[in-house]
Amino acid sequence: MTMPAMTIKLRCDATSFSALLSDLDASLKSIPEIREALIRFLDSGEELFRIDRDVLPASIAGELLVRLHPSDALRRFVTASRAGDADLCIFKHATPPVGDSNATTTEAEVQ
């Protein structure tokens, strides 16, 4: 006795991933230095996205929905690129806090 053929329809929702890539594209066009940073980011081995799958209700049996979500690392990269920071340093200090006698650093608190 043979099993009946089963058809599964696969759908992919990359809406949030695509929106973030659009923001990155705008940064790449306006700030050329971001291109080099993007290459370094891609070479770093960081994940670009995560995949979630949704099992759809019985009314849509035979369908599998896969969603692509941007990774935290990609979100941080795009945030820095929007700020025009090709070095990907979101926060910069005018003077190092260690040189400031009024500043408390984590290392100083540990000692």
N, C-alpha and C. Protein backbone atom coordinates (compact mmCIF):
# COMPACT_ATOMS: atom_id res chain seq x y z
N MET A 1 0.84 -1.18 0.00
CA MET A 1 0.00 0.00 0.00
C MET A 1 0.89 1.25 0.00
N THR A 2 0.65 2.14 -0.93
CA THR A 2 1.47 3.35 -1.03
C THR A 2 0.80 4.50 -0.30
N MET A 3 1.65 5.38 0.21
CA MET A 3 1.16 6.58 0.91
C MET A 3 0.74 7.62 -0.12
N PRO A 4 -0.33 8.34 0.15
CA PRO A 4 -0.72 9.41 -0.78
C PRO A 4 0.33 10.53 -0.76
N ALA A 5 0.50 11.17 -1.90
CA ALA A 5 1.47 12.27 -2.00
C ALA A 5 1.00 13.44 -1.15
N MET A 6 1.94 14.05 -0.47
CA MET A 6 1.62 15.21 0.37
C MET A 6 2.34 16.42 -0.18
N THR A 7 1.61 17.49 -0.34
CA THR A 7 2.18 18.72 -0.86
C THR A 7 2.29 19.73 0.28
N ILE A 8 3.45 20.34 0.40
CA ILE A 8 3.65 21.38 1.40
C ILE A 8 4.02 22.66 0.67
N LYS A 9 3.32 23.71 1.00
CA LYS A 9 3.59 25.01 0.41
C LYS A 9 4.45 25.80 1.40
N LEU A 10 5.57 26.31 0.94
CA LEU A 10 6.50 27.07 1.77
C LEU A 10 6.37 28.55 1.44
N ARG A 11 6.12 29.35 2.46
CA ARG A 11 6.06 30.81 2.27
C ARG A 11 7.14 31.45 3.12
N CYS A 12 7.70 32.53 2.66
CA CYS A 12 8.77 33.23 3.37
C CYS A 12 8.36 34.69 3.59
N ASP A 13 8.43 35.12 4.84
CA ASP A 13 8.13 36.50 5.19
C ASP A 13 9.43 37.15 5.65
N ALA A 14 9.96 38.04 4.85
CA ALA A 14 11.22 38.73 5.18
C ALA A 14 10.98 40.23 5.33
N THR A 15 9.79 40.61 5.76
CA THR A 15 9.43 42.03 5.83
C THR A 15 10.38 42.83 6.71
N SER A 16 10.62 42.38 7.95
CA SER A 16 11.48 43.15 8.86
C SER A 16 12.93 43.12 8.39
N PHE A 17 13.38 42.01 7.86
CA PHE A 17 14.73 41.90 7.34
C PHE A 17 14.92 42.82 6.14
N SER A 18 13.95 42.83 5.26
CA SER A 18 14.00 43.65 4.06
C SER A 18 13.99 45.15 4.40
N ALA A 19 13.20 45.54 5.40
CA ALA A 19 13.14 46.95 5.81
C ALA A 19 14.49 47.41 6.33
N LEU A 20 15.15 46.57 7.11
CA LEU A 20 16.46 46.93 7.64
C LEU A 20 17.49 47.03 6.52
N LEU A 21 17.40 46.14 5.55
CA LEU A 21 18.33 46.20 4.41
C LEU A 21 18.11 47.46 3.59
N SER A 22 16.88 47.95 3.52
CA SER A 22 16.61 49.21 2.81
C SER A 22 17.29 50.37 3.51
N ASP A 23 17.25 50.37 4.85
CA ASP A 23 17.96 51.41 5.61
C ASP A 23 19.46 51.33 5.37
N LEU A 24 19.99 50.12 5.35
CA LEU A 24 21.41 49.94 5.11
C LEU A 24 21.78 50.41 3.70
N ASP A 25 20.94 50.14 2.73
CA ASP A 25 21.17 50.58 1.36
C ASP A 25 21.26 52.10 1.28
N ALA A 26 20.38 52.79 2.01
CA ALA A 26 20.42 54.26 2.02
C ALA A 26 21.73 54.76 2.61
N SER A 27 22.20 54.10 3.68
CA SER A 27 23.48 54.50 4.28
C SER A 27 24.64 54.25 3.32
N LEU A 28 24.60 53.13 2.63
CA LEU A 28 25.68 52.79 1.70
C LEU A 28 25.77 53.83 0.57
N LYS A 29 24.63 54.34 0.15
CA LYS A 29 24.62 55.33 -0.94
C LYS A 29 25.12 56.69 -0.47
N SER A 30 24.85 57.04 0.80
CA SER A 30 25.21 58.38 1.26
C SER A 30 26.59 58.44 1.93
N ILE A 31 27.08 57.32 2.45
CA ILE A 31 28.38 57.33 3.15
C ILE A 31 29.23 56.19 2.60
N PRO A 32 30.13 56.48 1.67
CA PRO A 32 30.93 55.42 1.02
C PRO A 32 31.76 54.58 1.99
N GLU A 33 32.20 55.16 3.12
CA GLU A 33 33.04 54.42 4.07
C GLU A 33 32.29 53.24 4.68
N ILE A 34 30.96 53.29 4.67
CA ILE A 34 30.16 52.20 5.24
C ILE A 34 30.37 50.92 4.43
N ARG A 35 30.69 51.06 3.15
CA ARG A 35 30.90 49.88 2.31
C ARG A 35 32.03 49.01 2.85
N GLU A 36 33.14 49.64 3.20
CA GLU A 36 34.27 48.89 3.75
C GLU A 36 33.90 48.25 5.09
N ALA A 37 33.16 48.99 5.90
CA ALA A 37 32.72 48.45 7.19
C ALA A 37 31.79 47.25 6.98
N LEU A 38 30.94 47.33 5.95
CA LEU A 38 30.03 46.22 5.64
C LEU A 38 30.82 44.96 5.25
N ILE A 39 31.86 45.14 4.46
CA ILE A 39 32.69 44.00 4.07
C ILE A 39 33.35 43.39 5.31
N ARG A 40 33.87 44.24 6.20
CA ARG A 40 34.46 43.72 7.45
C ARG A 40 33.42 42.99 8.28
N PHE A 41 32.20 43.53 8.33
CA PHE A 41 31.12 42.90 9.09
C PHE A 41 30.77 41.53 8.50
N LEU A 42 30.66 41.45 7.19
CA LEU A 42 30.34 40.18 6.54
C LEU A 42 31.46 39.15 6.74
N ASP A 43 32.71 39.63 6.73
CA ASP A 43 33.85 38.74 6.94
C ASP A 43 33.99 38.29 8.40
N SER A 44 33.32 38.99 9.31
CA SER A 44 33.46 38.69 10.74
C SER A 44 32.78 37.38 11.12
N GLY A 45 31.87 36.91 10.29
CA GLY A 45 31.16 35.68 10.62
C GLY A 45 29.93 35.89 11.47
N GLU A 46 29.59 37.14 11.76
CA GLU A 46 28.37 37.43 12.52
C GLU A 46 27.16 36.96 11.74
N GLU A 47 26.14 36.53 12.45
CA GLU A 47 24.90 36.12 11.79
C GLU A 47 24.17 37.35 11.27
N LEU A 48 23.56 37.22 10.11
CA LEU A 48 22.81 38.32 9.52
C LEU A 48 21.34 38.27 9.90
N PHE A 49 20.81 37.06 10.10
CA PHE A 49 19.39 36.93 10.40
C PHE A 49 19.15 35.65 11.19
N ARG A 50 17.97 35.58 11.75
CA ARG A 50 17.53 34.34 12.40
C ARG A 50 16.25 33.90 11.68
N ILE A 51 15.99 32.62 11.74
CA ILE A 51 14.83 32.06 11.05
C ILE A 51 13.86 31.52 12.08
N ASP A 52 12.61 31.94 11.97
CA ASP A 52 11.52 31.39 12.78
C ASP A 52 10.56 30.72 11.83
N ARG A 53 9.97 29.64 12.29
CA ARG A 53 8.96 29.00 11.45
C ARG A 53 7.65 28.98 12.22
N ASP A 54 6.59 29.16 11.52
CA ASP A 54 5.25 29.14 12.10
C ASP A 54 4.48 27.97 11.52
N VAL A 55 3.92 27.17 12.40
CA VAL A 55 3.02 26.12 11.95
C VAL A 55 1.65 26.76 11.84
N LEU A 56 1.11 26.75 10.67
CA LEU A 56 -0.16 27.43 10.43
C LEU A 56 -1.33 26.56 10.88
N PRO A 57 -2.46 27.19 11.20
CA PRO A 57 -3.62 26.43 11.67
C PRO A 57 -4.12 25.43 10.63
N ALA A 58 -4.96 24.52 11.11
CA ALA A 58 -5.46 23.43 10.25
C ALA A 58 -6.17 23.95 9.00
N SER A 59 -6.75 25.15 9.09
CA SER A 59 -7.47 25.68 7.92
C SER A 59 -6.52 25.95 6.74
N ILE A 60 -5.25 26.07 7.04
CA ILE A 60 -4.25 26.29 5.99
C ILE A 60 -3.25 25.13 6.04
N ALA A 61 -3.75 23.95 6.28
CA ALA A 61 -2.88 22.77 6.39
C ALA A 61 -2.03 22.61 5.13
N GLY A 62 -0.83 22.16 5.32
CA GLY A 62 0.06 21.96 4.19
C GLY A 62 0.90 23.19 3.87
N GLU A 63 0.82 24.24 4.71
CA GLU A 63 1.63 25.43 4.50
C GLU A 63 2.59 25.61 5.66
N LEU A 64 3.79 26.03 5.35
CA LEU A 64 4.80 26.33 6.35
C LEU A 64 5.28 27.75 6.08
N LEU A 65 5.20 28.59 7.10
CA LEU A 65 5.62 29.98 6.97
C LEU A 65 6.97 30.14 7.67
N VAL A 66 7.94 30.66 6.95
CA VAL A 66 9.28 30.91 7.49
C VAL A 66 9.47 32.42 7.53
N ARG A 67 9.89 32.91 8.68
CA ARG A 67 10.12 34.36 8.83
C ARG A 67 11.61 34.61 9.05
N LEU A 68 12.14 35.59 8.33
CA LEU A 68 13.53 36.02 8.50
C LEU A 68 13.52 37.30 9.33
N HIS A 69 14.28 37.29 10.42
CA HIS A 69 14.41 38.46 11.29
C HIS A 69 15.87 38.88 11.33
N PRO A 70 16.15 40.18 11.28
CA PRO A 70 17.55 40.63 11.35
C PRO A 70 18.16 40.25 12.70
N SER A 71 19.42 39.88 12.69
CA SER A 71 20.11 39.55 13.94
C SER A 71 20.40 40.82 14.72
N ASP A 72 20.73 40.67 15.99
CA ASP A 72 21.10 41.83 16.80
C ASP A 72 22.35 42.50 16.25
N ALA A 73 23.30 41.70 15.78
CA ALA A 73 24.53 42.26 15.22
C ALA A 73 24.23 43.10 13.99
N LEU A 74 23.33 42.64 13.13
CA LEU A 74 22.97 43.42 11.94
C LEU A 74 22.24 44.69 12.35
N ARG A 75 21.37 44.60 13.34
CA ARG A 75 20.67 45.80 13.82
C ARG A 75 21.67 46.84 14.34
N ARG A 76 22.67 46.39 15.12
CA ARG A 76 23.69 47.31 15.63
C ARG A 76 24.48 47.94 14.48
N PHE A 77 24.82 47.12 13.48
CA PHE A 77 25.57 47.63 12.33
C PHE A 77 24.77 48.71 11.60
N VAL A 78 23.49 48.45 11.35
CA VAL A 78 22.66 49.42 10.63
C VAL A 78 22.47 50.68 11.46
N THR A 79 22.30 50.54 12.77
CA THR A 79 22.17 51.71 13.64
C THR A 79 23.42 52.59 13.55
N ALA A 80 24.58 51.97 13.61
CA ALA A 80 25.84 52.73 13.49
C ALA A 80 25.97 53.35 12.11
N SER A 81 25.56 52.63 11.07
CA SER A 81 25.67 53.19 9.71
C SER A 81 24.72 54.37 9.52
N ARG A 82 23.54 54.30 10.13
CA ARG A 82 22.62 55.45 10.06
C ARG A 82 23.22 56.68 10.70
N ALA A 83 24.00 56.46 11.76
CA ALA A 83 24.65 57.57 12.46
C ALA A 83 25.88 58.06 11.71
N GLY A 84 26.24 57.37 10.63
CA GLY A 84 27.38 57.78 9.84
C GLY A 84 28.70 57.33 10.43
N ASP A 85 28.66 56.31 11.26
CA ASP A 85 29.85 55.83 11.95
C ASP A 85 30.44 54.63 11.21
N ALA A 86 31.42 54.88 10.37
CA ALA A 86 32.02 53.80 9.59
C ALA A 86 32.84 52.85 10.45
N ASP A 87 33.26 53.31 11.63
CA ASP A 87 34.01 52.43 12.54
C ASP A 87 33.09 51.59 13.40
N LEU A 88 31.79 51.83 13.29
CA LEU A 88 30.76 51.11 14.04
C LEU A 88 30.85 51.34 15.54
N CYS A 89 31.39 52.49 15.93
CA CYS A 89 31.43 52.86 17.35
C CYS A 89 30.24 53.78 17.59
N ILE A 90 29.23 53.28 18.25
CA ILE A 90 28.02 54.08 18.44
C ILE A 90 28.27 55.21 19.43
N PHE A 91 29.03 54.93 20.49
CA PHE A 91 29.31 55.95 21.50
C PHE A 91 30.80 56.28 21.48
N LYS A 92 31.10 57.56 21.45
CA LYS A 92 32.49 58.00 21.49
C LYS A 92 32.62 59.02 22.61
N HIS A 93 33.79 59.05 23.23
CA HIS A 93 34.08 60.02 24.27
C HIS A 93 35.07 61.03 23.74
N ALA A 94 34.87 62.29 24.11
CA ALA A 94 35.82 63.32 23.68
C ALA A 94 37.17 63.08 24.36
N THR A 95 37.15 62.70 25.63
CA THR A 95 38.37 62.34 26.34
C THR A 95 38.12 61.01 27.02
N PRO A 96 39.13 60.18 27.13
CA PRO A 96 38.92 58.90 27.79
C PRO A 96 38.50 59.12 29.25
N PRO A 97 37.51 58.38 29.75
CA PRO A 97 37.06 58.57 31.12
C PRO A 97 38.14 58.26 32.15
N VAL A 98 39.14 57.45 31.80
CA VAL A 98 40.21 57.12 32.73
C VAL A 98 41.02 58.36 33.06
N GLY A 99 41.18 59.27 32.08
CA GLY A 99 41.95 60.49 32.29
C GLY A 99 41.21 61.54 33.10
N ASP A 100 39.92 61.35 33.28
CA ASP A 100 39.09 62.31 34.01
C ASP A 100 39.02 61.87 35.47
N SER A 101 39.50 62.70 36.38
CA SER A 101 39.52 62.33 37.80
C SER A 101 38.12 62.25 38.39
N ASN A 102 37.13 62.87 37.76
CA ASN A 102 35.76 62.83 38.27
C ASN A 102 34.99 61.62 37.75
N ALA A 103 35.54 60.94 36.75
CA ALA A 103 34.84 59.80 36.15
C ALA A 103 35.14 58.52 36.93
N THR A 104 34.13 57.68 37.04
CA THR A 104 34.30 56.37 37.66
C THR A 104 34.20 55.32 36.58
N THR A 105 35.20 54.49 36.48
CA THR A 105 35.16 53.41 35.50
C THR A 105 34.87 52.10 36.20
N THR A 106 34.45 51.13 35.43
CA THR A 106 34.16 49.82 36.00
C THR A 106 35.39 49.23 36.65
N GLU A 107 36.54 49.41 36.01
CA GLU A 107 37.78 48.87 36.57
C GLU A 107 38.10 49.51 37.92
N ALA A 108 37.86 50.83 38.02
CA ALA A 108 38.14 51.52 39.28
C ALA A 108 37.18 51.05 40.37
N GLU A 109 35.93 50.75 40.00
CA GLU A 109 34.97 50.29 40.99
C GLU A 109 35.33 48.90 41.51
N VAL A 110 35.90 48.06 40.66
CA VAL A 110 36.26 46.71 41.05
C VAL A 110 37.40 46.75 42.05
N GLN A 111 38.35 47.65 41.86
CA GLN A 111 39.49 47.74 42.76
C GLN A 111 39.03 48.33 44.04
